[in-house]
Amino acid sequence: MIKLQPLRIPAGWNIIQNNFTDIDVTQFDSDDEIWLGMVQDIAMISRLVGKETKITIDLGWYPDNDPNGEYHLQVIKNTDWEQPLEEFCSRDYRMITDKMEEFFKIYCYKR
């Protein structure tokens, strides 16, 4: 049974979207329906740091619905999607979870 992946999100972060599940992609064949849910917009969590700085942690699967794709995690300052502060890619949801939680801690106060 697929369920949402638990995340330790510190106070102050706002969950805009969260469809991040505990899917072990190595357990599925390329023709399984699970890939239909593997899309660019999986999770987006943000917080204000100071009065003018917004930090967004964004998670997606690239390319959409592709069994050969991978999770792509980014940290975005304000709306500068062209120059992420951090990026991390993996096919392992556990590694993505660890990196997301690390980013939550790092960017709690960083401007």
N, C-alpha and C. Protein backbone atom coordinates (compact mmCIF):
# COMPACT_ATOMS: atom_id res chain seq x y z
N MET A 1 0.84 -1.19 0.00
CA MET A 1 0.00 0.00 0.00
C MET A 1 0.88 1.25 0.00
N ILE A 2 0.63 2.14 -0.92
CA ILE A 2 1.40 3.37 -1.02
C ILE A 2 0.79 4.42 -0.11
N LYS A 3 1.67 5.10 0.65
CA LYS A 3 1.18 6.14 1.56
C LYS A 3 2.13 7.33 1.50
N LEU A 4 1.68 8.47 2.02
CA LEU A 4 2.54 9.64 2.06
C LEU A 4 3.79 9.35 2.85
N GLN A 5 4.92 9.84 2.37
CA GLN A 5 6.18 9.69 3.07
C GLN A 5 6.21 10.66 4.24
N PRO A 6 6.41 10.17 5.46
CA PRO A 6 6.51 11.08 6.61
C PRO A 6 7.72 12.02 6.46
N LEU A 7 7.53 13.28 6.79
CA LEU A 7 8.59 14.28 6.75
C LEU A 7 8.61 15.03 8.07
N ARG A 8 9.81 15.31 8.57
CA ARG A 8 9.96 16.14 9.76
C ARG A 8 10.15 17.58 9.28
N ILE A 9 9.07 18.35 9.33
CA ILE A 9 9.08 19.72 8.84
C ILE A 9 9.04 20.65 10.04
N PRO A 10 10.09 21.45 10.23
CA PRO A 10 10.10 22.36 11.37
C PRO A 10 8.99 23.42 11.28
N ALA A 11 8.66 23.99 12.41
CA ALA A 11 7.65 25.06 12.46
C ALA A 11 8.06 26.20 11.54
N GLY A 12 7.08 26.83 10.96
CA GLY A 12 7.33 27.99 10.10
C GLY A 12 7.29 27.69 8.62
N TRP A 13 7.36 26.43 8.25
CA TRP A 13 7.27 26.05 6.84
C TRP A 13 5.80 25.86 6.47
N ASN A 14 5.44 26.27 5.27
CA ASN A 14 4.07 26.15 4.77
C ASN A 14 4.02 25.10 3.67
N ILE A 15 3.18 24.13 3.84
CA ILE A 15 3.03 23.08 2.83
C ILE A 15 2.04 23.59 1.78
N ILE A 16 2.54 23.82 0.60
CA ILE A 16 1.71 24.28 -0.50
C ILE A 16 1.12 23.07 -1.21
N GLN A 17 1.93 22.05 -1.38
CA GLN A 17 1.48 20.81 -2.01
C GLN A 17 2.35 19.68 -1.48
N ASN A 18 1.74 18.52 -1.24
CA ASN A 18 2.52 17.35 -0.84
C ASN A 18 1.84 16.07 -1.31
N ASN A 19 2.41 15.49 -2.34
CA ASN A 19 1.99 14.18 -2.83
C ASN A 19 3.19 13.24 -2.86
N PHE A 20 4.15 13.47 -1.96
CA PHE A 20 5.37 12.67 -1.90
C PHE A 20 5.07 11.37 -1.15
N THR A 21 5.19 10.26 -1.85
CA THR A 21 4.85 8.96 -1.29
C THR A 21 6.09 8.10 -1.08
N ASP A 22 5.88 7.01 -0.39
CA ASP A 22 6.96 6.08 -0.07
C ASP A 22 7.16 5.03 -1.16
N ILE A 23 7.19 5.47 -2.40
CA ILE A 23 7.32 4.54 -3.53
C ILE A 23 8.79 4.16 -3.74
N ASP A 24 9.05 2.88 -3.67
CA ASP A 24 10.37 2.35 -4.02
C ASP A 24 10.30 2.01 -5.50
N VAL A 25 10.82 2.90 -6.34
CA VAL A 25 10.66 2.76 -7.79
C VAL A 25 11.31 1.50 -8.35
N THR A 26 12.22 0.91 -7.60
CA THR A 26 12.87 -0.32 -8.08
C THR A 26 11.93 -1.52 -8.04
N GLN A 27 10.79 -1.37 -7.39
CA GLN A 27 9.85 -2.48 -7.24
C GLN A 27 8.78 -2.53 -8.34
N PHE A 28 8.87 -1.62 -9.33
CA PHE A 28 7.83 -1.54 -10.35
C PHE A 28 8.39 -1.74 -11.74
N ASP A 29 7.58 -2.33 -12.61
CA ASP A 29 7.93 -2.50 -14.01
C ASP A 29 7.62 -1.22 -14.77
N SER A 30 8.22 -1.07 -15.92
CA SER A 30 8.04 0.16 -16.70
C SER A 30 6.61 0.35 -17.20
N ASP A 31 5.81 -0.71 -17.26
CA ASP A 31 4.44 -0.57 -17.72
C ASP A 31 3.42 -0.49 -16.58
N ASP A 32 3.88 -0.41 -15.33
CA ASP A 32 2.98 -0.28 -14.19
C ASP A 32 2.33 1.11 -14.17
N GLU A 33 1.10 1.17 -13.67
CA GLU A 33 0.36 2.42 -13.61
C GLU A 33 0.96 3.42 -12.62
N ILE A 34 1.83 2.98 -11.75
CA ILE A 34 2.42 3.86 -10.74
C ILE A 34 3.11 5.06 -11.37
N TRP A 35 3.62 4.89 -12.59
CA TRP A 35 4.37 5.96 -13.25
C TRP A 35 3.48 7.13 -13.63
N LEU A 36 2.17 6.91 -13.72
CA LEU A 36 1.26 8.00 -14.04
C LEU A 36 1.25 9.08 -12.95
N GLY A 37 1.60 8.69 -11.73
CA GLY A 37 1.64 9.65 -10.61
C GLY A 37 3.00 10.28 -10.40
N MET A 38 3.97 9.87 -11.19
CA MET A 38 5.31 10.42 -11.05
C MET A 38 5.44 11.62 -11.98
N VAL A 39 5.20 12.81 -11.41
CA VAL A 39 5.12 14.04 -12.21
C VAL A 39 6.02 15.13 -11.62
N GLN A 40 6.10 16.24 -12.33
CA GLN A 40 6.96 17.34 -11.91
C GLN A 40 6.50 18.00 -10.62
N ASP A 41 5.22 17.99 -10.36
CA ASP A 41 4.68 18.69 -9.18
C ASP A 41 4.31 17.70 -8.09
N ILE A 42 5.29 17.29 -7.30
CA ILE A 42 5.04 16.33 -6.22
C ILE A 42 4.90 17.06 -4.89
N ALA A 43 5.83 17.95 -4.58
CA ALA A 43 5.77 18.67 -3.30
C ALA A 43 6.36 20.06 -3.44
N MET A 44 5.77 21.00 -2.72
CA MET A 44 6.28 22.36 -2.65
C MET A 44 6.02 22.87 -1.24
N ILE A 45 7.10 23.25 -0.57
CA ILE A 45 7.04 23.69 0.82
C ILE A 45 7.87 24.96 0.93
N SER A 46 7.31 26.00 1.55
CA SER A 46 8.02 27.27 1.57
C SER A 46 7.95 27.94 2.93
N ARG A 47 8.78 28.98 3.09
CA ARG A 47 8.76 29.79 4.30
C ARG A 47 9.35 31.15 4.00
N LEU A 48 8.89 32.13 4.76
CA LEU A 48 9.48 33.46 4.69
C LEU A 48 10.64 33.52 5.66
N VAL A 49 11.75 34.07 5.20
CA VAL A 49 12.92 34.29 6.05
C VAL A 49 13.18 35.79 6.00
N GLY A 50 12.87 36.47 7.07
CA GLY A 50 12.94 37.92 7.05
C GLY A 50 11.70 38.48 6.37
N LYS A 51 11.76 39.74 5.98
CA LYS A 51 10.59 40.39 5.40
C LYS A 51 10.48 40.20 3.90
N GLU A 52 11.61 39.95 3.22
CA GLU A 52 11.57 39.94 1.77
C GLU A 52 12.10 38.67 1.12
N THR A 53 12.47 37.69 1.88
CA THR A 53 13.06 36.49 1.30
C THR A 53 12.14 35.29 1.50
N LYS A 54 11.79 34.66 0.41
CA LYS A 54 10.98 33.45 0.45
C LYS A 54 11.85 32.29 -0.04
N ILE A 55 11.90 31.23 0.75
CA ILE A 55 12.63 30.02 0.38
C ILE A 55 11.59 28.95 0.05
N THR A 56 11.76 28.30 -1.09
CA THR A 56 10.85 27.24 -1.51
C THR A 56 11.65 25.97 -1.75
N ILE A 57 11.17 24.88 -1.19
CA ILE A 57 11.75 23.56 -1.46
C ILE A 57 10.75 22.86 -2.37
N ASP A 58 11.24 22.51 -3.56
CA ASP A 58 10.37 21.97 -4.61
C ASP A 58 10.85 20.57 -5.00
N LEU A 59 9.90 19.64 -5.10
CA LEU A 59 10.22 18.26 -5.46
C LEU A 59 9.37 17.83 -6.64
N GLY A 60 10.02 17.24 -7.62
CA GLY A 60 9.31 16.70 -8.78
C GLY A 60 10.02 15.48 -9.33
N TRP A 61 9.35 14.81 -10.24
CA TRP A 61 9.91 13.65 -10.94
C TRP A 61 10.12 14.07 -12.39
N TYR A 62 11.33 13.90 -12.88
CA TYR A 62 11.65 14.33 -14.25
C TYR A 62 12.28 13.18 -15.02
N PRO A 63 11.88 13.01 -16.28
CA PRO A 63 10.70 13.60 -16.89
C PRO A 63 9.42 12.96 -16.37
N ASP A 64 8.32 13.68 -16.56
CA ASP A 64 7.00 13.19 -16.12
C ASP A 64 6.75 11.76 -16.58
N ASN A 65 6.23 10.96 -15.67
CA ASN A 65 5.74 9.61 -15.96
C ASN A 65 6.78 8.66 -16.53
N ASP A 66 8.03 9.02 -16.48
CA ASP A 66 9.09 8.21 -17.10
C ASP A 66 9.70 7.25 -16.08
N PRO A 67 9.61 5.93 -16.34
CA PRO A 67 10.20 4.95 -15.43
C PRO A 67 11.72 5.09 -15.29
N ASN A 68 12.35 5.77 -16.23
CA ASN A 68 13.80 5.99 -16.16
C ASN A 68 14.15 7.33 -15.55
N GLY A 69 13.15 8.08 -15.10
CA GLY A 69 13.38 9.39 -14.51
C GLY A 69 13.90 9.30 -13.09
N GLU A 70 13.92 10.47 -12.43
CA GLU A 70 14.37 10.52 -11.04
C GLU A 70 13.75 11.72 -10.35
N TYR A 71 13.77 11.67 -9.02
CA TYR A 71 13.33 12.82 -8.23
C TYR A 71 14.33 13.95 -8.43
N HIS A 72 13.81 15.15 -8.50
CA HIS A 72 14.65 16.35 -8.61
C HIS A 72 14.19 17.30 -7.51
N LEU A 73 15.09 17.58 -6.59
CA LEU A 73 14.81 18.43 -5.44
C LEU A 73 15.58 19.74 -5.60
N GLN A 74 14.89 20.87 -5.41
CA GLN A 74 15.52 22.17 -5.54
C GLN A 74 15.16 23.07 -4.37
N VAL A 75 16.09 23.96 -4.04
CA VAL A 75 15.83 25.04 -3.09
C VAL A 75 15.87 26.33 -3.90
N ILE A 76 14.76 27.08 -3.85
CA ILE A 76 14.61 28.28 -4.65
C ILE A 76 14.49 29.49 -3.72
N LYS A 77 15.23 30.54 -4.04
CA LYS A 77 15.13 31.80 -3.30
C LYS A 77 14.24 32.75 -4.09
N ASN A 78 13.23 33.25 -3.41
CA ASN A 78 12.22 34.11 -4.03
C ASN A 78 11.65 33.37 -5.25
N THR A 79 11.73 33.91 -6.41
CA THR A 79 11.17 33.22 -7.59
C THR A 79 12.25 32.94 -8.63
N ASP A 80 13.49 32.82 -8.21
CA ASP A 80 14.60 32.61 -9.15
C ASP A 80 14.77 31.12 -9.48
N TRP A 81 13.86 30.61 -10.30
CA TRP A 81 13.88 29.19 -10.68
C TRP A 81 15.06 28.86 -11.60
N GLU A 82 15.66 29.89 -12.19
CA GLU A 82 16.79 29.67 -13.11
C GLU A 82 18.09 29.41 -12.35
N GLN A 83 18.17 29.86 -11.10
CA GLN A 83 19.39 29.70 -10.31
C GLN A 83 19.06 29.15 -8.92
N PRO A 84 18.76 27.86 -8.83
CA PRO A 84 18.46 27.27 -7.51
C PRO A 84 19.66 27.41 -6.57
N LEU A 85 19.36 27.58 -5.28
CA LEU A 85 20.42 27.61 -4.28
C LEU A 85 21.03 26.23 -4.09
N GLU A 86 20.21 25.21 -4.21
CA GLU A 86 20.65 23.82 -4.04
C GLU A 86 19.85 22.94 -5.00
N GLU A 87 20.47 21.84 -5.41
CA GLU A 87 19.79 20.83 -6.21
C GLU A 87 20.28 19.46 -5.79
N PHE A 88 19.39 18.50 -5.84
CA PHE A 88 19.75 17.13 -5.50
C PHE A 88 18.82 16.20 -6.28
N CYS A 89 19.39 15.17 -6.89
CA CYS A 89 18.60 14.21 -7.67
C CYS A 89 18.89 12.79 -7.19
N SER A 90 17.84 11.97 -7.20
CA SER A 90 17.98 10.57 -6.81
C SER A 90 16.72 9.81 -7.20
N ARG A 91 16.84 8.52 -7.37
CA ARG A 91 15.67 7.67 -7.59
C ARG A 91 15.18 7.09 -6.27
N ASP A 92 15.92 7.29 -5.20
CA ASP A 92 15.62 6.71 -3.89
C ASP A 92 14.84 7.70 -3.02
N TYR A 93 13.59 7.39 -2.72
CA TYR A 93 12.76 8.30 -1.92
C TYR A 93 13.34 8.52 -0.52
N ARG A 94 14.08 7.55 0.01
CA ARG A 94 14.68 7.71 1.34
C ARG A 94 15.79 8.77 1.31
N MET A 95 16.60 8.75 0.24
CA MET A 95 17.65 9.76 0.11
C MET A 95 17.04 11.14 -0.09
N ILE A 96 15.97 11.22 -0.84
CA ILE A 96 15.27 12.49 -1.05
C ILE A 96 14.70 13.00 0.28
N THR A 97 14.12 12.11 1.06
CA THR A 97 13.58 12.49 2.37
C THR A 97 14.68 13.07 3.25
N ASP A 98 15.80 12.39 3.33
CA ASP A 98 16.92 12.86 4.15
C ASP A 98 17.40 14.24 3.69
N LYS A 99 17.52 14.43 2.38
CA LYS A 99 18.01 15.70 1.85
C LYS A 99 16.99 16.81 2.08
N MET A 100 15.71 16.51 1.91
CA MET A 100 14.67 17.52 2.19
C MET A 100 14.75 17.98 3.64
N GLU A 101 14.84 17.03 4.55
CA GLU A 101 14.89 17.38 5.97
C GLU A 101 16.15 18.18 6.30
N GLU A 102 17.25 17.87 5.63
CA GLU A 102 18.47 18.65 5.79
C GLU A 102 18.25 20.09 5.31
N PHE A 103 17.62 20.24 4.14
CA PHE A 103 17.33 21.57 3.61
C PHE A 103 16.40 22.35 4.54
N PHE A 104 15.41 21.70 5.13
CA PHE A 104 14.53 22.40 6.07
C PHE A 104 15.34 23.02 7.20
N LYS A 105 16.29 22.27 7.73
CA LYS A 105 17.12 22.78 8.83
C LYS A 105 18.04 23.90 8.38
N ILE A 106 18.71 23.70 7.25
CA ILE A 106 19.66 24.70 6.75
C ILE A 106 18.97 26.02 6.45
N TYR A 107 17.81 25.95 5.84
CA TYR A 107 17.14 27.16 5.35
C TYR A 107 16.06 27.70 6.28
N CYS A 108 16.06 27.27 7.53
CA CYS A 108 15.13 27.85 8.50
C CYS A 108 15.40 29.33 8.71
N TYR A 109 16.67 29.71 8.73
CA TYR A 109 17.03 31.09 9.07
C TYR A 109 17.91 31.74 8.02
N LYS A 110 18.44 30.96 7.09
CA LYS A 110 19.34 31.49 6.08
C LYS A 110 18.60 32.37 5.09
N ARG A 111 19.19 33.47 4.75
CA ARG A 111 18.55 34.41 3.80
C ARG A 111 19.12 34.29 2.44
